[in-house]
Amino acid sequence: HFSVRYRPGFEPYEPDETGVPDAAEI
């Protein structure tokens, strides 16, 4: 499972204070 890749477009998801995705994200 180890993997290292060059992915400059990767954006980690940062949840809001509720931790619940909104309608658009769903």
PDB file of all heavy atoms in Angstrom:
ATOM      1  N   HIS A   1       0.810  -1.214   0.000  1.00  0.00           N
ATOM      2  CA  HIS A   1       0.000   0.000   0.000  1.00  0.00           C
ATOM      3  C   HIS A   1       0.847   1.269   0.000  1.00  0.00           C
ATOM      4  O   HIS A   1       0.334   2.349  -0.316  1.00  0.00           O
ATOM      5  CB  HIS A   1      -0.925   0.025   1.230  1.00  0.00           C
ATOM      6  CG  HIS A   1      -2.256  -0.616   0.990  1.00  0.00           C
ATOM      7  ND1 HIS A   1      -2.570  -1.868   1.444  1.00  0.00           N
ATOM      8  CD2 HIS A   1      -3.359  -0.167   0.347  1.00  0.00           C
ATOM      9  CE1 HIS A   1      -3.809  -2.173   1.102  1.00  0.00           C
ATOM     10  NE2 HIS A   1      -4.307  -1.150   0.431  1.00  0.00           N
ATOM     11  N   PHE A   2       2.114   1.162   0.374  1.00  0.00           N
ATOM     12  CA  PHE A   2       2.976   2.345   0.351  1.00  0.00           C
ATOM     13  C   PHE A   2       2.994   2.931  -1.062  1.00  0.00           C
ATOM     14  O   PHE A   2       3.135   2.212  -2.059  1.00  0.00           O
ATOM     15  CB  PHE A   2       4.407   1.980   0.739  1.00  0.00           C
ATOM     16  CG  PHE A   2       4.665   1.971   2.214  1.00  0.00           C
ATOM     17  CD1 PHE A   2       5.418   0.952   2.783  1.00  0.00           C
ATOM     18  CD2 PHE A   2       4.188   2.986   3.040  1.00  0.00           C
ATOM     19  CE1 PHE A   2       5.686   0.939   4.151  1.00  0.00           C
ATOM     20  CE2 PHE A   2       4.451   2.984   4.399  1.00  0.00           C
ATOM     21  CZ  PHE A   2       5.194   1.957   4.961  1.00  0.00           C
ATOM     22  N   SER A   3       2.883   4.236  -1.127  1.00  0.00           N
ATOM     23  CA  SER A   3       2.938   4.886  -2.432  1.00  0.00           C
ATOM     24  C   SER A   3       3.382   6.329  -2.257  1.00  0.00           C
ATOM     25  O   SER A   3       2.969   7.003  -1.310  1.00  0.00           O
ATOM     26  CB  SER A   3       1.565   4.853  -3.108  1.00  0.00           C
ATOM     27  OG  SER A   3       1.602   5.490  -4.364  1.00  0.00           O
ATOM     28  N   VAL A   4       4.248   6.794  -3.144  1.00  0.00           N
ATOM     29  CA  VAL A   4       4.618   8.206  -3.211  1.00  0.00           C
ATOM     30  C   VAL A   4       4.478   8.630  -4.658  1.00  0.00           C
ATOM     31  O   VAL A   4       5.024   7.990  -5.554  1.00  0.00           O
ATOM     32  CB  VAL A   4       6.066   8.455  -2.726  1.00  0.00           C
ATOM     33  CG1 VAL A   4       6.391   9.947  -2.826  1.00  0.00           C
ATOM     34  CG2 VAL A   4       6.257   7.966  -1.304  1.00  0.00           C
ATOM     35  N   ARG A   5       3.727   9.694  -4.894  1.00  0.00           N
ATOM     36  CA  ARG A   5       3.501  10.171  -6.249  1.00  0.00           C
ATOM     37  C   ARG A   5       3.599  11.695  -6.285  1.00  0.00           C
ATOM     38  O   ARG A   5       3.371  12.371  -5.282  1.00  0.00           O
ATOM     39  CB  ARG A   5       2.112   9.747  -6.758  1.00  0.00           C
ATOM     40  CG  ARG A   5       1.892   8.243  -6.872  1.00  0.00           C
ATOM     41  CD  ARG A   5       2.838   7.599  -7.856  1.00  0.00           C
ATOM     42  NE  ARG A   5       2.519   6.196  -8.077  1.00  0.00           N
ATOM     43  CZ  ARG A   5       3.359   5.318  -8.612  1.00  0.00           C
ATOM     44  NH1 ARG A   5       4.577   5.706  -8.965  1.00  0.00           N
ATOM     45  NH2 ARG A   5       3.007   4.070  -8.794  1.00  0.00           N
ATOM     46  N   TYR A   6       3.887  12.195  -7.454  1.00  0.00           N
ATOM     47  CA  TYR A   6       3.875  13.632  -7.684  1.00  0.00           C
ATOM     48  C   TYR A   6       2.488  14.010  -8.180  1.00  0.00           C
ATOM     49  O   TYR A   6       2.094  13.655  -9.292  1.00  0.00           O
ATOM     50  CB  TYR A   6       4.938  14.005  -8.709  1.00  0.00           C
ATOM     51  CG  TYR A   6       4.926  15.480  -9.075  1.00  0.00           C
ATOM     52  CD1 TYR A   6       5.097  16.454  -8.107  1.00  0.00           C
ATOM     53  CD2 TYR A   6       4.768  15.869 -10.408  1.00  0.00           C
ATOM     54  CE1 TYR A   6       5.099  17.808  -8.447  1.00  0.00           C
ATOM     55  CE2 TYR A   6       4.777  17.211 -10.758  1.00  0.00           C
ATOM     56  CZ  TYR A   6       4.930  18.176  -9.768  1.00  0.00           C
ATOM     57  OH  TYR A   6       4.932  19.500 -10.107  1.00  0.00           O
ATOM     58  N   ARG A   7       1.721  14.681  -7.348  1.00  0.00           N
ATOM     59  CA  ARG A   7       0.358  15.090  -7.672  1.00  0.00           C
ATOM     60  C   ARG A   7       0.147  16.528  -7.205  1.00  0.00           C
ATOM     61  O   ARG A   7      -0.444  16.765  -6.146  1.00  0.00           O
ATOM     62  CB  ARG A   7      -0.669  14.162  -7.025  1.00  0.00           C
ATOM     63  CG  ARG A   7      -0.726  12.752  -7.561  1.00  0.00           C
ATOM     64  CD  ARG A   7      -1.274  12.726  -8.990  1.00  0.00           C
ATOM     65  NE  ARG A   7      -1.526  11.362  -9.421  1.00  0.00           N
ATOM     66  CZ  ARG A   7      -0.608  10.557  -9.932  1.00  0.00           C
ATOM     67  NH1 ARG A   7       0.635  10.995 -10.057  1.00  0.00           N
ATOM     68  NH2 ARG A   7      -0.910   9.333 -10.309  1.00  0.00           N
ATOM     69  N   PRO A   8       0.630  17.498  -7.968  1.00  0.00           N
ATOM     70  CA  PRO A   8       0.529  18.892  -7.525  1.00  0.00           C
ATOM     71  C   PRO A   8      -0.901  19.385  -7.385  1.00  0.00           C
ATOM     72  O   PRO A   8      -1.169  20.352  -6.679  1.00  0.00           O
ATOM     73  CB  PRO A   8       1.286  19.656  -8.609  1.00  0.00           C
ATOM     74  CG  PRO A   8       1.260  18.764  -9.800  1.00  0.00           C
ATOM     75  CD  PRO A   8       1.317  17.368  -9.264  1.00  0.00           C
ATOM     76  N   GLY A   9      -1.854  18.716  -8.032  1.00  0.00           N
ATOM     77  CA  GLY A   9      -3.244  19.155  -7.949  1.00  0.00           C
ATOM     78  C   GLY A   9      -4.001  18.599  -6.764  1.00  0.00           C
ATOM     79  O   GLY A   9      -5.173  18.914  -6.557  1.00  0.00           O
ATOM     80  N   PHE A  10      -3.352  17.766  -5.960  1.00  0.00           N
ATOM     81  CA  PHE A  10      -4.041  17.148  -4.825  1.00  0.00           C
ATOM     82  C   PHE A  10      -4.367  18.190  -3.762  1.00  0.00           C
ATOM     83  O   PHE A  10      -3.505  18.954  -3.343  1.00  0.00           O
ATOM     84  CB  PHE A  10      -3.161  16.052  -4.221  1.00  0.00           C
ATOM     85  CG  PHE A  10      -3.724  15.453  -2.959  1.00  0.00           C
ATOM     86  CD1 PHE A  10      -4.817  14.617  -3.002  1.00  0.00           C
ATOM     87  CD2 PHE A  10      -3.146  15.736  -1.725  1.00  0.00           C
ATOM     88  CE1 PHE A  10      -5.334  14.057  -1.836  1.00  0.00           C
ATOM     89  CE2 PHE A  10      -3.649  15.192  -0.559  1.00  0.00           C
ATOM     90  CZ  PHE A  10      -4.742  14.347  -0.618  1.00  0.00           C
ATOM     91  N   GLU A  11      -5.630  18.204  -3.345  1.00  0.00           N
ATOM     92  CA  GLU A  11      -6.071  19.123  -2.304  1.00  0.00           C
ATOM     93  C   GLU A  11      -6.746  18.332  -1.188  1.00  0.00           C
ATOM     94  O   GLU A  11      -7.798  17.739  -1.396  1.00  0.00           O
ATOM     95  CB  GLU A  11      -7.061  20.156  -2.859  1.00  0.00           C
ATOM     96  CG  GLU A  11      -6.471  21.067  -3.916  1.00  0.00           C
ATOM     97  CD  GLU A  11      -7.477  22.075  -4.431  1.00  0.00           C
ATOM     98  OE1 GLU A  11      -8.606  22.104  -3.883  1.00  0.00           O
ATOM     99  OE2 GLU A  11      -7.143  22.811  -5.369  1.00  0.00           O
ATOM    100  N   PRO A  12      -6.137  18.297  -0.018  1.00  0.00           N
ATOM    101  CA  PRO A  12      -6.764  17.574   1.094  1.00  0.00           C
ATOM    102  C   PRO A  12      -8.070  18.238   1.498  1.00  0.00           C
ATOM    103  O   PRO A  12      -8.197  19.467   1.461  1.00  0.00           O
ATOM    104  CB  PRO A  12      -5.721  17.670   2.216  1.00  0.00           C
ATOM    105  CG  PRO A  12      -4.935  18.891   1.884  1.00  0.00           C
ATOM    106  CD  PRO A  12      -4.881  18.956   0.383  1.00  0.00           C
ATOM    107  N   TYR A  13      -9.034  17.415   1.860  1.00  0.00           N
ATOM    108  CA  TYR A  13     -10.335  17.942   2.267  1.00  0.00           C
ATOM    109  C   TYR A  13     -10.263  18.461   3.698  1.00  0.00           C
ATOM    110  O   TYR A  13      -9.789  17.778   4.599  1.00  0.00           O
ATOM    111  CB  TYR A  13     -11.390  16.835   2.171  1.00  0.00           C
ATOM    112  CG  TYR A  13     -12.733  17.219   2.731  1.00  0.00           C
ATOM    113  CD1 TYR A  13     -13.444  18.294   2.198  1.00  0.00           C
ATOM    114  CD2 TYR A  13     -13.278  16.508   3.796  1.00  0.00           C
ATOM    115  CE1 TYR A  13     -14.683  18.641   2.705  1.00  0.00           C
ATOM    116  CE2 TYR A  13     -14.514  16.860   4.303  1.00  0.00           C
ATOM    117  CZ  TYR A  13     -15.219  17.921   3.758  1.00  0.00           C
ATOM    118  OH  TYR A  13     -16.439  18.260   4.276  1.00  0.00           O
ATOM    119  N   GLU A  14     -10.735  19.684   3.872  1.00  0.00           N
ATOM    120  CA  GLU A  14     -10.764  20.288   5.194  1.00  0.00           C
ATOM    121  C   GLU A  14     -12.223  20.477   5.607  1.00  0.00           C
ATOM    122  O   GLU A  14     -12.908  21.375   5.113  1.00  0.00           O
ATOM    123  CB  GLU A  14     -10.045  21.645   5.183  1.00  0.00           C
ATOM    124  CG  GLU A  14      -8.573  21.566   4.841  1.00  0.00           C
ATOM    125  CD  GLU A  14      -7.760  20.814   5.873  1.00  0.00           C
ATOM    126  OE1 GLU A  14      -8.241  20.668   7.014  1.00  0.00           O
ATOM    127  OE2 GLU A  14      -6.648  20.360   5.552  1.00  0.00           O
ATOM    128  N   PRO A  15     -12.762  19.615   6.490  1.00  0.00           N
ATOM    129  CA  PRO A  15     -14.166  19.732   6.873  1.00  0.00           C
ATOM    130  C   PRO A  15     -14.412  20.994   7.690  1.00  0.00           C
ATOM    131  O   PRO A  15     -13.503  21.538   8.317  1.00  0.00           O
ATOM    132  CB  PRO A  15     -14.396  18.473   7.712  1.00  0.00           C
ATOM    133  CG  PRO A  15     -13.048  18.141   8.273  1.00  0.00           C
ATOM    134  CD  PRO A  15     -12.057  18.549   7.210  1.00  0.00           C
ATOM    135  N   ASP A  16     -15.669  21.455   7.653  1.00  0.00           N
ATOM    136  CA  ASP A  16     -16.016  22.592   8.493  1.00  0.00           C
ATOM    137  C   ASP A  16     -16.187  22.125   9.930  1.00  0.00           C
ATOM    138  O   ASP A  16     -15.902  20.967  10.264  1.00  0.00           O
ATOM    139  CB  ASP A  16     -17.276  23.287   7.979  1.00  0.00           C
ATOM    140  CG  ASP A  16     -18.494  22.358   7.959  1.00  0.00           C
ATOM    141  OD1 ASP A  16     -18.498  21.340   8.699  1.00  0.00           O
ATOM    142  OD2 ASP A  16     -19.445  22.653   7.217  1.00  0.00           O
ATOM    143  N   GLU A  17     -16.676  23.013  10.774  1.00  0.00           N
ATOM    144  CA  GLU A  17     -16.764  22.674  12.194  1.00  0.00           C
ATOM    145  C   GLU A  17     -17.722  21.526  12.481  1.00  0.00           C
ATOM    146  O   GLU A  17     -17.599  20.832  13.490  1.00  0.00           O
ATOM    147  CB  GLU A  17     -17.173  23.911  13.003  1.00  0.00           C
ATOM    148  CG  GLU A  17     -18.535  24.494  12.651  1.00  0.00           C
ATOM    149  CD  GLU A  17     -18.438  25.467  11.471  1.00  0.00           C
ATOM    150  OE1 GLU A  17     -17.350  25.569  10.876  1.00  0.00           O
ATOM    151  OE2 GLU A  17     -19.460  26.100  11.153  1.00  0.00           O
ATOM    152  N   THR A  18     -18.684  21.284  11.580  1.00  0.00           N
ATOM    153  CA  THR A  18     -19.629  20.181  11.796  1.00  0.00           C
ATOM    154  C   THR A  18     -19.055  18.852  11.348  1.00  0.00           C
ATOM    155  O   THR A  18     -19.492  17.795  11.820  1.00  0.00           O
ATOM    156  CB  THR A  18     -20.936  20.435  11.037  1.00  0.00           C
ATOM    157  OG1 THR A  18     -20.689  20.334   9.623  1.00  0.00           O
ATOM    158  CG2 THR A  18     -21.512  21.797  11.366  1.00  0.00           C
ATOM    159  N   GLY A  19     -18.070  18.888  10.412  1.00  0.00           N
ATOM    160  CA  GLY A  19     -17.513  17.647   9.875  1.00  0.00           C
ATOM    161  C   GLY A  19     -18.442  16.947   8.906  1.00  0.00           C
ATOM    162  O   GLY A  19     -18.173  15.836   8.472  1.00  0.00           O
ATOM    163  N   VAL A  20     -19.576  17.605   8.553  1.00  0.00           N
ATOM    164  CA  VAL A  20     -20.571  16.999   7.673  1.00  0.00           C
ATOM    165  C   VAL A  20     -20.533  17.691   6.315  1.00  0.00           C
ATOM    166  O   VAL A  20     -20.568  18.932   6.250  1.00  0.00           O
ATOM    167  CB  VAL A  20     -21.979  17.122   8.287  1.00  0.00           C
ATOM    168  CG1 VAL A  20     -23.019  16.519   7.345  1.00  0.00           C
ATOM    169  CG2 VAL A  20     -22.017  16.430   9.647  1.00  0.00           C
ATOM    170  N   PRO A  21     -20.447  16.964   5.215  1.00  0.00           N
ATOM    171  CA  PRO A  21     -20.430  17.601   3.895  1.00  0.00           C
ATOM    172  C   PRO A  21     -21.764  18.271   3.602  1.00  0.00           C
ATOM    173  O   PRO A  21     -22.823  17.807   4.033  1.00  0.00           O
ATOM    174  CB  PRO A  21     -20.167  16.430   2.943  1.00  0.00           C
ATOM    175  CG  PRO A  21     -20.645  15.213   3.682  1.00  0.00           C
ATOM    176  CD  PRO A  21     -20.355  15.491   5.126  1.00  0.00           C
ATOM    177  N   ASP A  22     -21.719  19.370   2.853  1.00  0.00           N
ATOM    178  CA  ASP A  22     -22.955  20.057   2.506  1.00  0.00           C
ATOM    179  C   ASP A  22     -23.575  19.416   1.265  1.00  0.00           C
ATOM    180  O   ASP A  22     -23.037  18.463   0.690  1.00  0.00           O
ATOM    181  CB  ASP A  22     -22.708  21.546   2.317  1.00  0.00           C
ATOM    182  CG  ASP A  22     -21.695  21.847   1.212  1.00  0.00           C
ATOM    183  OD1 ASP A  22     -21.557  21.024   0.285  1.00  0.00           O
ATOM    184  OD2 ASP A  22     -21.044  22.903   1.278  1.00  0.00           O
ATOM    185  N   ALA A  23     -24.704  19.969   0.824  1.00  0.00           N
ATOM    186  CA  ALA A  23     -25.445  19.378  -0.288  1.00  0.00           C
ATOM    187  C   ALA A  23     -24.624  19.349  -1.571  1.00  0.00           C
ATOM    188  O   ALA A  23     -24.675  18.373  -2.336  1.00  0.00           O
ATOM    189  CB  ALA A  23     -26.745  20.149  -0.504  1.00  0.00           C
ATOM    190  N   ALA A  24     -23.856  20.402  -1.807  1.00  0.00           N
ATOM    191  CA  ALA A  24     -23.039  20.452  -3.024  1.00  0.00           C
ATOM    192  C   ALA A  24     -21.950  19.378  -2.998  1.00  0.00           C
ATOM    193  O   ALA A  24     -21.661  18.744  -4.019  1.00  0.00           O
ATOM    194  CB  ALA A  24     -22.412  21.835  -3.176  1.00  0.00           C
ATOM    195  N   GLU A  25     -21.340  19.180  -1.841  1.00  0.00           N
ATOM    196  CA  GLU A  25     -20.291  18.163  -1.715  1.00  0.00           C
ATOM    197  C   GLU A  25     -20.872  16.763  -1.889  1.00  0.00           C
ATOM    198  O   GLU A  25     -20.269  15.899  -2.538  1.00  0.00           O
ATOM    199  CB  GLU A  25     -19.609  18.300  -0.352  1.00  0.00           C
ATOM    200  CG  GLU A  25     -18.784  19.568  -0.234  1.00  0.00           C
ATOM    201  CD  GLU A  25     -18.297  19.811   1.182  1.00  0.00           C
ATOM    202  OE1 GLU A  25     -18.937  19.338   2.142  1.00  0.00           O
ATOM    203  OE2 GLU A  25     -17.253  20.478   1.332  1.00  0.00           O
ATOM    204  N   ILE A  26     -22.042  16.539  -1.322  1.00  0.00           N
ATOM    205  CA  ILE A  26     -22.690  15.235  -1.473  1.00  0.00           C
ATOM    206  C   ILE A  26     -23.035  14.979  -2.940  1.00  0.00           C
ATOM    207  O   ILE A  26     -22.836  13.874  -3.457  1.00  0.00           O
ATOM    208  CB  ILE A  26     -23.945  15.153  -0.596  1.00  0.00           C
ATOM    209  CG1 ILE A  26     -23.548  15.155   0.886  1.00  0.00           C
ATOM    210  CG2 ILE A  26     -24.759  13.899  -0.922  1.00  0.00           C
ATOM    211  CD1 ILE A  26     -24.717  15.232   1.844  1.00  0.00           C
TER     212      ILE A  26
END
